[in-house]
Amino acid sequence: MRQRVITGILFALGIAAFIIPSLWYPIFTVAMAVIVGAVAVYELIKALRSGGFKPSCGLIVGGTLTALVIFILTWAFGLTVEASLALYLLIIGSYCLACGILIPVVRPDDESALRNGLISGGIVFYVSFPLYCLCTGMALIGNGWYYMLIGLCASWISDVFAYFSGVTLGKRKIVPHISPKKTWEGCIGGAVGCALAVMIYSVLVIKRVDSLNIMIVPFCAVTFFIGFLISVMSQLGDWFASVIKRRVGIKDYGNIFPGHGGMMDRFDSAFFTLPVGVLLALIAINFF
């Protein structure tokens, strides 16, 4: 437990070292995204290969680097976040679909080629899309730092509320075949706690920073719903990563964070919540 707490504190300080300067220099976020993405891709490939799958390293690295190039170009040319995301989805979406057929074409005698091609494309999208959302949110949205802070940190806030709700009230298992310790009480407690935290943060910080002209009650309702949605996505992200671990027969994706596992073990939930941070920013920009 002591090691877990120390690692958690050091991890939080490490994230802060990148995120705080990003308020003025978004390049720090890009640097963090590159590090997280590179390690996450390595851990996923290693995990899947240990389970008998054979994703293509070349296709995965090529796809993630292409996503990075798209972001750099859209940032350099000053495109809007909507245009940047559209380009990403068109190019990387097509690339991921192409991965499904490229490996069968190259390896016609391999019966698992189609599966491995689809897995390769899936890894590209799984890792690059949330990190692309983080970078575009920070760099291309006015005051985007404040929104992406929610997308990045709300998953961990949800985990904290879910843990204490589960420990104190948890009785009914929700997905015992995936996460034996998860309960309905913890799930609901995490969602409500996260929703309240996002609502309070939005009222105290975002409404003032962006000078949003909206009545407090509707704004609270919208941000509470967004916070609830973020928690749901966070828990889905955790389950998705757990399904992969169960399928390939591993406990953790790595050991770079003693007591916590690997990079994927720390960012599995955030990969599902970062796009919601961009969603909140787009709602605020276009409707408030």
Protein backbone atom coordinates (compact mmCIF):
# COMPACT_ATOMS: atom_id res chain seq x y z
CA MET A 1 0.00 0.00 0.00
CA ARG A 2 2.83 2.39 0.90
CA GLN A 3 4.52 1.80 -2.47
CA ARG A 4 1.19 2.31 -4.25
CA VAL A 5 0.62 5.64 -2.49
CA ILE A 6 4.16 6.88 -3.21
CA THR A 7 3.87 5.87 -6.86
CA GLY A 8 0.49 7.59 -7.10
CA ILE A 9 1.92 10.83 -5.73
CA LEU A 10 4.91 10.70 -8.08
CA PHE A 11 2.61 9.95 -11.02
CA ALA A 12 0.42 12.94 -10.17
CA LEU A 13 3.49 15.18 -9.92
CA GLY A 14 4.74 13.89 -13.27
CA ILE A 15 1.42 14.65 -14.96
CA ALA A 16 1.34 18.09 -13.35
CA ALA A 17 4.84 18.81 -14.68
CA PHE A 18 3.44 18.49 -18.21
CA ILE A 19 -0.10 19.80 -17.75
CA ILE A 20 0.52 22.99 -15.75
CA PRO A 21 2.97 24.54 -18.27
CA SER A 22 0.51 23.59 -21.02
CA LEU A 23 -1.72 26.43 -19.83
CA TRP A 24 0.76 28.73 -21.59
CA TYR A 25 2.66 26.33 -23.88
CA PRO A 26 0.51 23.50 -25.35
CA ILE A 27 3.67 21.84 -26.68
CA PHE A 28 4.07 20.28 -23.22
CA THR A 29 0.79 18.43 -23.75
CA VAL A 30 1.97 17.23 -27.15
CA ALA A 31 5.18 15.93 -25.58
CA MET A 32 3.22 14.09 -22.91
CA ALA A 33 0.86 12.64 -25.51
CA VAL A 34 3.81 11.33 -27.56
CA ILE A 35 5.32 9.65 -24.48
CA VAL A 36 2.02 8.16 -23.31
CA GLY A 37 1.12 7.01 -26.83
CA ALA A 38 4.48 5.38 -27.49
CA VAL A 39 4.48 3.43 -24.22
CA ALA A 40 0.79 2.49 -24.54
CA VAL A 41 1.33 1.14 -28.07
CA TYR A 42 4.31 -0.90 -26.88
CA GLU A 43 2.35 -2.34 -23.96
CA LEU A 44 -0.67 -3.23 -26.09
CA ILE A 45 1.42 -4.95 -28.76
CA LYS A 46 3.35 -6.87 -26.10
CA ALA A 47 0.14 -7.90 -24.29
CA LEU A 48 -1.64 -9.04 -27.44
CA ARG A 49 1.37 -10.99 -28.67
CA SER A 50 1.56 -12.79 -25.33
CA GLY A 51 -2.05 -13.87 -26.00
CA GLY A 52 -1.28 -15.33 -29.41
CA PHE A 53 -2.25 -12.35 -31.57
CA LYS A 54 0.12 -10.81 -34.12
CA PRO A 55 -0.65 -7.11 -34.64
CA SER A 56 1.56 -5.35 -37.18
CA CYS A 57 4.10 -3.02 -35.52
CA GLY A 58 4.71 -1.25 -38.82
CA LEU A 59 1.07 -0.44 -39.45
CA ILE A 60 0.50 0.66 -35.86
CA VAL A 61 3.55 2.92 -35.71
CA GLY A 62 2.71 4.31 -39.16
CA GLY A 63 -0.85 5.11 -38.14
CA THR A 64 0.04 6.80 -34.85
CA LEU A 65 2.79 8.87 -36.51
CA THR A 66 0.31 9.90 -39.22
CA ALA A 67 -2.07 11.12 -36.51
CA LEU A 68 0.76 13.17 -35.00
CA VAL A 69 1.60 14.71 -38.38
CA ILE A 70 -2.07 15.60 -38.99
CA PHE A 71 -2.22 17.40 -35.65
CA ILE A 72 1.02 19.31 -36.24
CA LEU A 73 -0.14 20.46 -39.68
CA THR A 74 -3.59 21.55 -38.50
CA TRP A 75 -2.00 23.40 -35.57
CA ALA A 76 0.57 25.06 -37.83
CA PHE A 77 -2.09 26.22 -40.31
CA GLY A 78 -4.43 27.42 -37.57
CA LEU A 79 -7.40 25.19 -38.37
CA THR A 80 -10.37 25.03 -36.05
CA VAL A 81 -10.77 22.08 -33.71
CA GLU A 82 -13.77 20.89 -35.78
CA ALA A 83 -11.72 20.88 -38.99
CA SER A 84 -8.80 19.16 -37.26
CA LEU A 85 -10.99 16.39 -35.86
CA ALA A 86 -12.72 15.96 -39.22
CA LEU A 87 -9.37 15.49 -40.96
CA TYR A 88 -8.27 13.01 -38.31
CA LEU A 89 -11.42 10.93 -38.63
CA LEU A 90 -11.32 10.92 -42.42
CA ILE A 91 -7.65 10.01 -42.74
CA ILE A 92 -7.06 7.79 -39.71
CA GLY A 93 -10.51 6.22 -39.97
CA SER A 94 -9.73 5.21 -43.55
CA TYR A 95 -6.27 4.03 -42.49
CA CYS A 96 -7.70 1.82 -39.75
CA LEU A 97 -10.17 0.25 -42.16
CA ALA A 98 -7.37 -0.32 -44.66
CA CYS A 99 -5.36 -2.18 -42.02
CA GLY A 100 -8.06 -4.84 -42.02
CA ILE A 101 -7.31 -5.75 -45.64
CA LEU A 102 -3.61 -4.95 -45.97
CA ILE A 103 -2.40 -7.85 -43.83
CA PRO A 104 -4.66 -10.45 -45.55
CA VAL A 105 -3.34 -9.18 -48.90
CA VAL A 106 0.28 -9.47 -47.79
CA ARG A 107 -0.23 -12.78 -45.97
CA PRO A 108 -2.83 -14.69 -48.02
CA ASP A 109 -2.01 -18.03 -46.38
CA ASP A 110 -2.38 -16.75 -42.83
CA GLU A 111 -5.85 -17.64 -41.51
CA SER A 112 -5.55 -15.07 -38.72
CA ALA A 113 -4.44 -12.24 -41.03
CA LEU A 114 -7.83 -10.50 -41.12
CA ARG A 115 -8.13 -10.60 -37.33
CA ASN A 116 -4.61 -9.26 -36.87
CA GLY A 117 -5.23 -6.52 -39.42
CA LEU A 118 -8.38 -5.37 -37.64
CA ILE A 119 -6.57 -5.49 -34.30
CA SER A 120 -3.75 -3.36 -35.73
CA GLY A 121 -6.23 -0.75 -36.94
CA GLY A 122 -8.04 -0.92 -33.63
CA ILE A 123 -4.87 -0.17 -31.67
CA VAL A 124 -4.13 2.84 -33.87
CA PHE A 125 -7.56 4.34 -33.17
CA TYR A 126 -7.69 3.24 -29.51
CA VAL A 127 -4.47 5.06 -28.66
CA SER A 128 -4.32 7.95 -31.12
CA PHE A 129 -7.90 9.26 -30.98
CA PRO A 130 -8.07 10.23 -27.28
CA LEU A 131 -4.55 11.68 -27.34
CA TYR A 132 -5.42 13.59 -30.52
CA CYS A 133 -8.47 14.99 -28.70
CA LEU A 134 -6.24 16.02 -25.79
CA CYS A 135 -3.80 17.85 -28.06
CA THR A 136 -6.43 19.57 -30.19
CA GLY A 137 -8.41 20.55 -27.12
CA MET A 138 -5.36 22.14 -25.54
CA ALA A 139 -3.99 23.83 -28.65
CA LEU A 140 -6.96 24.72 -30.86
CA ILE A 141 -9.72 25.67 -28.41
CA GLY A 142 -9.76 29.00 -26.62
CA ASN A 143 -9.28 28.26 -22.91
CA GLY A 144 -9.20 24.60 -23.93
CA TRP A 145 -6.84 23.82 -21.05
CA TYR A 146 -9.68 24.16 -18.57
CA TYR A 147 -11.90 21.75 -20.49
CA MET A 148 -9.23 19.14 -21.14
CA LEU A 149 -8.29 19.20 -17.47
CA ILE A 150 -11.74 17.75 -16.89
CA GLY A 151 -11.31 15.13 -19.59
CA LEU A 152 -7.94 14.10 -18.17
CA CYS A 153 -8.57 14.20 -14.44
CA ALA A 154 -12.28 13.33 -14.17
CA SER A 155 -11.56 9.65 -14.80
CA TRP A 156 -9.31 9.52 -11.76
CA ILE A 157 -11.86 11.49 -9.71
CA SER A 158 -14.49 8.95 -10.74
CA ASP A 159 -12.18 6.13 -9.67
CA VAL A 160 -11.74 7.69 -6.22
CA PHE A 161 -15.49 8.10 -5.65
CA ALA A 162 -16.16 4.61 -7.03
CA TYR A 163 -13.54 3.08 -4.75
CA PHE A 164 -14.88 4.61 -1.54
CA SER A 165 -18.51 3.98 -2.53
CA GLY A 166 -17.67 0.36 -3.33
CA VAL A 167 -15.73 -0.18 -0.11
CA THR A 168 -18.43 1.31 2.13
CA LEU A 169 -21.61 0.31 0.33
CA GLY A 170 -20.66 -2.24 -2.32
CA LYS A 171 -22.60 -5.52 -2.28
CA ARG A 172 -23.85 -6.29 -5.79
CA LYS A 173 -21.19 -7.29 -8.31
CA ILE A 174 -21.60 -5.63 -11.69
CA VAL A 175 -19.12 -7.41 -14.00
CA PRO A 176 -17.46 -10.17 -11.91
CA HIS A 177 -16.12 -11.95 -15.01
CA ILE A 178 -14.20 -8.79 -15.99
CA SER A 179 -13.53 -6.88 -12.75
CA PRO A 180 -14.40 -9.01 -9.71
CA LYS A 181 -14.24 -6.11 -7.26
CA LYS A 182 -16.52 -3.72 -9.15
CA THR A 183 -20.02 -3.24 -7.68
CA TRP A 184 -23.17 -1.42 -8.73
CA GLU A 185 -22.88 0.78 -5.64
CA GLY A 186 -19.32 1.76 -6.55
CA CYS A 187 -20.31 2.40 -10.15
CA ILE A 188 -23.21 4.68 -9.18
CA GLY A 189 -21.21 6.40 -6.44
CA GLY A 190 -18.38 7.10 -8.87
CA ALA A 191 -20.78 8.51 -11.48
CA VAL A 192 -22.64 10.78 -9.05
CA GLY A 193 -19.44 11.96 -7.35
CA CYS A 194 -17.79 12.70 -10.69
CA ALA A 195 -20.91 14.50 -11.93
CA LEU A 196 -20.96 16.74 -8.86
CA ALA A 197 -17.23 17.46 -9.14
CA VAL A 198 -17.52 18.42 -12.83
CA MET A 199 -20.60 20.56 -12.15
CA ILE A 200 -18.93 22.47 -9.31
CA TYR A 201 -15.71 22.94 -11.29
CA SER A 202 -17.66 24.16 -14.32
CA VAL A 203 -19.63 26.70 -12.28
CA LEU A 204 -16.62 28.01 -10.35
CA VAL A 205 -14.04 27.93 -13.15
CA ILE A 206 -15.30 27.40 -16.70
CA LYS A 207 -18.33 29.69 -16.50
CA ARG A 208 -16.09 32.52 -15.31
CA VAL A 209 -13.13 31.85 -17.60
CA ASP A 210 -15.28 31.80 -20.74
CA SER A 211 -17.81 34.36 -19.43
CA LEU A 212 -20.64 32.05 -20.45
CA ASN A 213 -23.98 33.83 -20.66
CA ILE A 214 -26.38 31.22 -19.33
CA MET A 215 -28.63 30.78 -16.33
CA ILE A 216 -27.05 28.81 -13.53
CA VAL A 217 -29.68 26.06 -13.29
CA PRO A 218 -29.52 24.92 -16.96
CA PHE A 219 -25.73 25.16 -16.85
CA CYS A 220 -25.60 22.98 -13.73
CA ALA A 221 -27.91 20.45 -15.36
CA VAL A 222 -25.79 20.23 -18.52
CA THR A 223 -22.46 19.97 -16.69
CA PHE A 224 -23.86 17.43 -14.22
CA PHE A 225 -24.94 15.27 -17.16
CA ILE A 226 -21.53 15.68 -18.82
CA GLY A 227 -19.82 14.69 -15.57
CA PHE A 228 -22.06 11.64 -15.27
CA LEU A 229 -21.27 10.72 -18.88
CA ILE A 230 -17.54 11.11 -18.24
CA SER A 231 -17.74 8.70 -15.32
CA VAL A 232 -19.67 6.15 -17.38
CA MET A 233 -17.08 6.42 -20.16
CA SER A 234 -14.30 6.14 -17.59
CA GLN A 235 -15.68 2.89 -16.25
CA LEU A 236 -16.24 1.54 -19.75
CA GLY A 237 -12.62 2.33 -20.54
CA ASP A 238 -11.48 0.43 -17.45
CA TRP A 239 -13.62 -2.57 -18.38
CA PHE A 240 -12.42 -2.54 -21.98
CA ALA A 241 -8.78 -2.66 -20.88
CA SER A 242 -9.64 -5.39 -18.37
CA VAL A 243 -11.31 -7.49 -21.08
CA ILE A 244 -8.09 -7.39 -23.10
CA LYS A 245 -6.03 -8.38 -20.04
CA ARG A 246 -8.36 -11.26 -19.25
CA ARG A 247 -8.26 -12.43 -22.86
CA VAL A 248 -4.46 -12.50 -23.07
CA GLY A 249 -3.93 -13.72 -19.51
CA ILE A 250 -2.00 -10.87 -17.87
CA LYS A 251 -2.51 -8.97 -14.61
CA ASP A 252 -1.03 -5.63 -15.65
CA TYR A 253 0.12 -4.10 -18.91
CA GLY A 254 3.53 -3.26 -17.46
CA ASN A 255 5.41 -2.37 -14.31
CA ILE A 256 6.76 1.13 -14.91
CA PHE A 257 4.49 2.38 -12.09
CA PRO A 258 5.13 0.02 -9.13
CA GLY A 259 1.85 -0.91 -7.50
CA HIS A 260 -0.16 0.57 -10.38
CA GLY A 261 1.05 -1.38 -13.43
CA GLY A 262 1.90 0.14 -16.78
CA MET A 263 0.93 3.19 -18.79
CA MET A 264 -2.24 1.51 -20.06
CA ASP A 265 -3.26 0.68 -16.50
CA ARG A 266 -3.11 4.38 -15.64
CA PHE A 267 -4.65 5.79 -18.83
CA ASP A 268 -7.22 3.14 -19.80
CA SER A 269 -10.06 5.21 -18.34
CA ALA A 270 -8.69 8.54 -19.57
CA PHE A 271 -8.60 7.21 -23.14
CA PHE A 272 -12.40 7.06 -22.98
CA THR A 273 -12.93 10.39 -21.17
CA LEU A 274 -10.64 12.74 -23.11
CA PRO A 275 -13.02 12.92 -26.10
CA VAL A 276 -15.80 13.94 -23.69
CA GLY A 277 -13.63 16.87 -22.58
CA VAL A 278 -13.61 18.09 -26.19
CA LEU A 279 -17.37 17.50 -26.36
CA LEU A 280 -17.91 19.74 -23.33
CA ALA A 281 -15.76 22.46 -24.90
CA LEU A 282 -17.67 22.28 -28.21
CA ILE A 283 -21.01 22.46 -26.40
CA ALA A 284 -19.87 25.52 -24.43
CA ILE A 285 -18.46 27.24 -27.54
CA ASN A 286 -21.43 26.61 -29.82
CA PHE A 287 -24.42 26.76 -27.49
CA PHE A 288 -23.45 28.98 -24.55
